[in-house]
N, C-alpha and C. Protein backbone atom coordinates (compact mmCIF):
# COMPACT_ATOMS: atom_id res chain seq x y z
N UNK A 1 -73.79 20.06 11.11
CA UNK A 1 -74.52 19.39 10.59
C UNK A 1 -74.04 17.83 11.85
N UNK A 2 -75.09 17.03 11.92
CA UNK A 2 -75.06 16.06 12.42
C UNK A 2 -75.70 14.52 11.81
N UNK A 3 -76.24 14.59 10.49
CA UNK A 3 -76.68 13.67 9.72
C UNK A 3 -75.73 12.53 9.24
N UNK A 4 -75.89 11.79 8.46
CA UNK A 4 -75.55 10.20 8.29
C UNK A 4 -74.04 10.81 7.46
N UNK A 5 -74.33 11.48 6.68
CA UNK A 5 -73.24 12.08 5.95
C UNK A 5 -71.85 12.85 6.87
N UNK A 6 -72.25 13.41 7.27
CA UNK A 6 -71.55 14.02 8.74
C UNK A 6 -70.97 13.00 9.42
N UNK A 7 -71.32 11.97 10.07
CA UNK A 7 -71.27 10.55 10.80
C UNK A 7 -69.92 10.19 9.84
N UNK A 8 -70.40 9.41 8.82
CA UNK A 8 -69.72 9.18 7.85
C UNK A 8 -68.05 10.02 7.54
N UNK A 9 -68.18 11.27 7.55
CA UNK A 9 -67.09 11.89 7.40
C UNK A 9 -66.14 11.70 8.62
N UNK A 10 -66.64 11.87 9.61
CA UNK A 10 -66.29 11.92 10.90
C UNK A 10 -65.36 10.49 11.37
N UNK A 11 -66.37 9.44 10.80
CA UNK A 11 -65.61 8.07 10.58
C UNK A 11 -64.29 8.25 9.96
N UNK A 12 -64.18 8.61 8.58
CA UNK A 12 -63.11 8.78 7.88
C UNK A 12 -62.02 9.47 8.19
N UNK A 13 -62.29 10.54 9.05
CA UNK A 13 -61.47 10.93 9.10
C UNK A 13 -60.62 10.78 10.71
N UNK A 14 -60.87 10.01 11.32
CA UNK A 14 -60.22 9.30 12.60
C UNK A 14 -59.35 8.37 12.10
N UNK A 15 -59.30 7.72 10.47
CA UNK A 15 -58.54 7.12 9.67
C UNK A 15 -57.37 7.51 9.88
N UNK A 16 -56.16 7.96 11.13
CA UNK A 16 -55.13 8.38 10.99
C UNK A 16 -53.89 7.35 10.81
N UNK A 17 -53.10 7.59 10.07
CA UNK A 17 -52.68 8.97 9.27
C UNK A 17 -52.94 9.04 7.80
N UNK A 18 -53.84 8.35 7.67
CA UNK A 18 -54.21 8.73 6.02
C UNK A 18 -55.16 9.82 6.52
N UNK A 19 -56.22 10.13 7.14
CA UNK A 19 -56.84 11.08 6.84
C UNK A 19 -57.06 11.93 8.32
N UNK A 20 -57.29 13.32 8.33
CA UNK A 20 -56.93 13.90 9.61
C UNK A 20 -58.56 14.66 9.17
N UNK A 21 -59.05 15.96 10.28
CA UNK A 21 -60.10 16.02 10.33
C UNK A 21 -59.69 17.65 9.75
N UNK A 22 -60.41 18.41 8.87
CA UNK A 22 -59.92 19.54 8.47
C UNK A 22 -61.61 20.57 8.69
N UNK A 23 -61.55 21.97 8.95
CA UNK A 23 -62.58 22.68 9.08
C UNK A 23 -62.74 23.36 7.34
N UNK A 24 -63.88 23.34 6.74
CA UNK A 24 -63.82 23.75 5.54
C UNK A 24 -65.29 24.81 5.13
N UNK A 25 -65.18 25.77 5.00
CA UNK A 25 -66.96 26.18 4.38
C UNK A 25 -67.86 25.44 5.59
N UNK A 26 -67.46 25.96 6.47
CA UNK A 26 -68.43 25.74 7.77
C UNK A 26 -68.66 24.39 8.03
N UNK A 27 -67.96 23.53 7.53
CA UNK A 27 -68.07 21.71 7.65
C UNK A 27 -66.86 21.55 8.19
N UNK A 28 -67.44 19.99 9.09
CA UNK A 28 -66.07 19.55 9.50
C UNK A 28 -66.15 18.45 8.70
N UNK A 29 -64.76 18.33 7.81
CA UNK A 29 -64.30 17.35 6.68
C UNK A 29 -63.39 16.87 7.25
N UNK A 30 -63.22 15.76 6.56
CA UNK A 30 -61.90 14.55 6.54
C UNK A 30 -60.86 15.20 5.32
N UNK A 31 -59.66 15.09 5.49
CA UNK A 31 -58.65 15.60 4.35
C UNK A 31 -57.73 14.53 4.10
N UNK A 32 -57.51 14.12 3.01
CA UNK A 32 -56.67 12.95 2.80
C UNK A 32 -55.28 13.40 2.79
N UNK A 33 -54.19 12.92 4.10
CA UNK A 33 -52.76 13.20 3.82
C UNK A 33 -52.26 12.82 2.74
N UNK A 34 -52.59 11.68 1.95
CA UNK A 34 -52.12 11.03 0.89
C UNK A 34 -52.06 12.00 -0.57
N UNK A 35 -53.45 12.46 -0.79
CA UNK A 35 -53.56 13.41 -1.75
C UNK A 35 -54.01 14.49 -1.72
N UNK A 36 -54.38 15.29 -0.44
CA UNK A 36 -55.18 16.65 -0.13
C UNK A 36 -56.53 16.46 -0.82
N UNK A 37 -57.36 15.32 -1.10
CA UNK A 37 -58.73 15.42 -1.37
C UNK A 37 -59.44 15.54 0.17
N UNK A 38 -60.20 16.62 -0.22
CA UNK A 38 -61.44 16.91 0.93
C UNK A 38 -62.44 16.52 0.74
N UNK A 39 -63.02 15.83 1.64
CA UNK A 39 -64.24 15.05 1.74
C UNK A 39 -65.30 15.96 2.69
N UNK A 40 -66.29 16.38 2.32
CA UNK A 40 -67.10 17.09 2.91
C UNK A 40 -68.41 16.49 2.70
N UNK A 41 -69.41 16.43 4.26
CA UNK A 41 -70.59 15.81 4.24
C UNK A 41 -71.71 16.77 3.33
N UNK A 42 -72.67 15.67 2.85
CA UNK A 42 -73.62 16.76 2.16
C UNK A 42 -74.74 16.74 3.00
N UNK A 43 -75.74 17.56 3.11
CA UNK A 43 -76.88 17.88 3.54
C UNK A 43 -78.12 17.11 2.87
N UNK A 44 -78.33 16.27 3.57
CA UNK A 44 -79.40 15.64 3.00
C UNK A 44 -81.17 15.81 3.93
N UNK A 45 -81.04 16.58 4.89
CA UNK A 45 -81.85 16.63 5.60
C UNK A 45 -83.54 17.11 4.75
N UNK A 46 -83.36 17.45 3.33
CA UNK A 46 -84.45 17.43 2.77
C UNK A 46 -84.81 16.28 2.01
N UNK A 47 -84.12 14.97 2.25
CA UNK A 47 -84.49 13.79 1.70
C UNK A 47 -85.24 13.21 2.64
N UNK A 48 -86.07 12.29 2.03
CA UNK A 48 -87.03 11.18 2.80
C UNK A 48 -86.28 10.36 3.39
N UNK A 49 -85.35 10.15 2.83
CA UNK A 49 -84.23 9.11 4.14
C UNK A 49 -82.74 9.34 3.32
N UNK A 50 -82.04 9.45 4.75
CA UNK A 50 -80.51 9.92 4.17
C UNK A 50 -80.02 9.04 3.93
N UNK A 51 -79.05 9.04 2.87
CA UNK A 51 -78.18 8.14 2.21
C UNK A 51 -76.68 8.02 2.60
N UNK A 52 -76.12 9.14 2.99
CA UNK A 52 -75.20 9.17 3.33
C UNK A 52 -74.16 9.62 2.43
N UNK A 53 -74.51 10.21 1.30
CA UNK A 53 -73.51 10.94 0.11
C UNK A 53 -72.60 11.86 0.86
N UNK A 54 -71.22 12.12 0.03
CA UNK A 54 -70.57 12.98 0.26
C UNK A 54 -70.15 13.40 -0.94
N UNK A 55 -69.40 14.79 -0.65
CA UNK A 55 -68.68 15.61 -1.84
C UNK A 55 -67.09 15.18 -1.68
N UNK A 56 -66.36 15.10 -2.85
CA UNK A 56 -65.10 14.96 -2.56
C UNK A 56 -64.54 15.90 -3.62
N UNK A 57 -63.59 16.61 -3.11
CA UNK A 57 -62.95 17.81 -4.01
C UNK A 57 -61.26 17.23 -4.08
N UNK A 58 -61.54 16.62 -5.38
CA UNK A 58 -60.24 15.84 -5.31
C UNK A 58 -58.80 16.85 -5.70
N UNK A 59 -57.90 16.45 -4.83
CA UNK A 59 -56.76 17.03 -4.53
C UNK A 59 -56.89 18.66 -3.98
N UNK A 60 -58.29 18.71 -3.35
CA UNK A 60 -59.04 19.73 -2.87
C UNK A 60 -59.08 20.70 -3.45
N UNK A 61 -59.35 20.95 -5.05
CA UNK A 61 -59.46 21.47 -6.25
C UNK A 61 -61.16 21.68 -6.13
N UNK A 62 -61.71 22.97 -5.52
CA UNK A 62 -63.10 23.25 -5.69
C UNK A 62 -63.73 22.78 -7.20
N UNK A 63 -62.78 23.13 -8.35
CA UNK A 63 -63.34 22.76 -9.55
C UNK A 63 -63.53 21.31 -9.85
N UNK A 64 -62.72 20.25 -8.72
CA UNK A 64 -62.77 18.59 -9.33
C UNK A 64 -63.76 18.22 -8.10
N UNK A 65 -65.18 18.21 -8.35
CA UNK A 65 -65.88 17.85 -7.28
C UNK A 65 -66.66 16.76 -7.72
N UNK A 66 -66.61 15.56 -6.59
CA UNK A 66 -67.43 14.54 -7.22
C UNK A 66 -68.69 14.36 -5.91
N UNK A 67 -69.62 13.55 -6.47
CA UNK A 67 -70.75 13.52 -5.27
C UNK A 67 -70.70 11.78 -5.19
N UNK A 68 -70.11 11.26 -4.04
CA UNK A 68 -70.60 9.62 -4.16
C UNK A 68 -70.95 8.85 -2.89
N UNK A 69 -71.60 7.88 -2.92
CA UNK A 69 -72.06 7.50 -1.57
C UNK A 69 -71.21 7.43 -0.35
N UNK A 70 -71.11 7.73 0.48
CA UNK A 70 -69.95 7.64 1.63
C UNK A 70 -69.68 6.61 2.05
N UNK A 71 -70.45 5.24 2.13
CA UNK A 71 -70.40 4.18 2.59
C UNK A 71 -69.13 3.62 1.32
N UNK A 72 -69.17 3.70 0.01
CA UNK A 72 -67.87 3.66 -0.92
C UNK A 72 -66.75 3.77 -0.52
N UNK A 73 -66.58 5.23 -0.10
CA UNK A 73 -65.37 6.02 -0.01
C UNK A 73 -65.09 5.43 1.65
N UNK A 74 -65.66 5.21 2.46
CA UNK A 74 -65.40 4.41 3.89
C UNK A 74 -65.00 3.24 3.70
N UNK A 75 -65.07 2.57 2.56
CA UNK A 75 -64.80 1.06 2.24
C UNK A 75 -63.19 1.04 1.67
N UNK A 76 -63.26 1.73 0.60
CA UNK A 76 -61.70 1.96 0.51
C UNK A 76 -60.53 2.83 1.26
N UNK A 77 -61.80 3.19 2.42
CA UNK A 77 -60.53 4.25 3.17
C UNK A 77 -60.04 3.10 4.28
N UNK A 78 -61.00 2.39 5.03
CA UNK A 78 -60.64 1.21 5.86
C UNK A 78 -59.82 0.29 5.28
N UNK A 79 -60.15 0.08 3.79
CA UNK A 79 -59.05 -1.24 3.40
C UNK A 79 -57.60 -0.75 3.07
N UNK A 80 -57.57 0.79 2.79
CA UNK A 80 -56.21 1.25 2.65
C UNK A 80 -55.61 1.32 4.20
N UNK A 81 -56.11 1.80 5.12
CA UNK A 81 -55.73 2.16 6.61
C UNK A 81 -55.54 0.51 7.02
N UNK A 82 -56.02 -0.28 7.00
CA UNK A 82 -55.81 -1.76 7.52
C UNK A 82 -54.45 -2.36 6.94
N UNK A 83 -54.43 -2.20 5.53
CA UNK A 83 -53.18 -2.49 4.78
C UNK A 83 -51.82 -1.20 5.08
N UNK A 84 -52.17 -0.56 5.30
CA UNK A 84 -50.85 0.53 6.05
C UNK A 84 -50.65 0.14 7.48
N UNK A 85 -51.83 0.00 8.45
CA UNK A 85 -51.40 -0.60 9.67
C UNK A 85 -51.04 -1.67 9.64
N UNK A 86 -51.33 -2.49 8.89
CA UNK A 86 -50.66 -4.51 8.99
C UNK A 86 -49.66 -4.25 8.52
N UNK A 87 -48.75 -3.48 8.41
CA UNK A 87 -47.68 -4.10 7.63
C UNK A 87 -46.41 -4.64 8.68
N UNK A 88 -46.33 -5.99 8.48
CA UNK A 88 -45.70 -6.68 9.34
C UNK A 88 -46.32 -7.77 10.29
N UNK A 89 -47.93 -7.40 9.82
CA UNK A 89 -48.67 -8.14 10.82
C UNK A 89 -49.35 -9.45 9.65
N UNK A 90 -49.37 -10.22 10.70
CA UNK A 90 -50.32 -11.74 9.77
C UNK A 90 -51.98 -11.19 9.02
N UNK A 91 -51.90 -11.98 8.20
CA UNK A 91 -53.01 -11.71 7.38
C UNK A 91 -54.79 -11.74 8.54
N UNK A 92 -54.33 -12.93 9.59
CA UNK A 92 -55.68 -13.41 10.07
C UNK A 92 -55.81 -11.63 11.29
N UNK A 93 -54.78 -11.31 11.64
CA UNK A 93 -54.63 -9.83 12.14
C UNK A 93 -55.24 -8.47 11.27
N UNK A 94 -54.95 -8.62 10.23
CA UNK A 94 -55.28 -7.60 9.05
C UNK A 94 -57.13 -7.91 9.18
N UNK A 95 -57.59 -9.45 9.04
CA UNK A 95 -58.69 -9.30 9.07
C UNK A 95 -59.80 -8.96 10.33
N UNK A 96 -58.83 -9.29 11.62
CA UNK A 96 -59.41 -8.84 12.95
C UNK A 96 -59.74 -7.39 13.04
N UNK A 97 -58.82 -6.68 12.14
CA UNK A 97 -58.56 -5.36 12.18
C UNK A 97 -60.01 -4.68 11.18
N UNK A 98 -60.13 -5.60 10.15
CA UNK A 98 -61.16 -4.97 9.51
C UNK A 98 -62.64 -5.37 9.98
N UNK A 99 -62.56 -6.18 11.00
CA UNK A 99 -64.01 -6.57 11.12
C UNK A 99 -64.42 -5.63 12.23
N UNK A 100 -63.03 -5.38 12.96
CA UNK A 100 -63.15 -4.25 14.32
C UNK A 100 -63.85 -3.03 13.60
N UNK A 101 -63.42 -2.56 12.60
CA UNK A 101 -63.44 -1.18 11.98
C UNK A 101 -65.13 -1.38 11.50
N UNK A 102 -65.32 -2.11 10.72
CA UNK A 102 -66.50 -2.38 10.04
C UNK A 102 -67.80 -2.45 11.12
N UNK A 103 -67.37 -3.02 12.18
CA UNK A 103 -68.36 -3.00 13.56
C UNK A 103 -68.66 -1.61 14.18
N UNK A 104 -67.19 -0.89 13.82
CA UNK A 104 -67.18 0.40 14.52
C UNK A 104 -68.23 1.33 13.44
N UNK A 105 -67.66 1.24 12.45
CA UNK A 105 -68.45 2.20 11.29
C UNK A 105 -70.26 1.78 11.18
N UNK A 106 -70.47 0.31 11.83
CA UNK A 106 -71.81 0.14 11.52
C UNK A 106 -72.81 1.02 13.01
N UNK A 107 -71.74 0.58 13.75
CA UNK A 107 -72.24 1.19 15.29
C UNK A 107 -72.24 2.92 15.58
N UNK A 108 -71.64 3.72 14.39
CA UNK A 108 -71.58 5.24 14.32
C UNK A 108 -72.29 5.39 13.12
N UNK A 109 -72.79 4.31 12.06
CA UNK A 109 -73.86 5.16 10.93
C UNK A 109 -75.04 4.27 11.05
N UNK A 110 -74.57 3.05 11.32
CA UNK A 110 -76.33 1.87 10.66
C UNK A 110 -75.70 1.18 9.46
N UNK A 111 -74.71 1.69 9.11
CA UNK A 111 -74.60 1.08 7.77
C UNK A 111 -73.44 -0.13 7.47
N UNK A 112 -73.30 -0.53 6.49
CA UNK A 112 -72.11 -1.99 6.76
C UNK A 112 -71.44 -1.47 5.32
N UNK A 113 -70.08 -1.42 5.54
CA UNK A 113 -68.92 -1.25 4.79
C UNK A 113 -68.98 -2.03 3.39
N UNK A 114 -68.17 -2.10 2.57
CA UNK A 114 -68.31 -3.16 1.37
C UNK A 114 -66.97 -3.79 1.68
N UNK A 115 -66.96 -4.66 1.83
CA UNK A 115 -65.49 -5.66 2.43
C UNK A 115 -65.65 -6.75 1.93
N UNK A 116 -64.58 -7.45 1.90
CA UNK A 116 -64.84 -9.21 1.44
C UNK A 116 -66.02 -9.72 2.21
N UNK A 117 -66.93 -10.59 1.70
CA UNK A 117 -67.71 -10.97 2.57
C UNK A 117 -67.02 -12.00 3.73
N UNK A 118 -66.15 -12.86 3.23
CA UNK A 118 -65.66 -13.81 4.41
C UNK A 118 -65.03 -13.29 5.34
N UNK A 119 -64.68 -11.27 5.58
CA UNK A 119 -64.27 -11.02 6.81
C UNK A 119 -64.93 -10.69 7.58
N UNK A 120 -66.16 -10.12 7.22
CA UNK A 120 -67.30 -9.18 7.85
C UNK A 120 -68.78 -10.22 8.30
């Protein structure tokens, strides 16, 4: 799969050490190394316009599945990633890192993350 949903999942999976890649059910997914939740792309090829929805299997449990807008999940993942990587850094450096990641996300997906407006 190479649609918007997959590009969002790929972006999240690159936010290591919070996430990593995981192959599941024939899909390249993102696995949370914090709680074991699995983020799987959804096939939106039938839709008139892709919206980037993803499936989340909370703590990897197939019975606890939610479908959410991938941009919301990616926004939260970026904030947590910057918080983790920013330990010991100045707030301005954290803002620069958020902007850098937001630009990378926009370049990869064509969508904008939901971050503080003053920072992006």
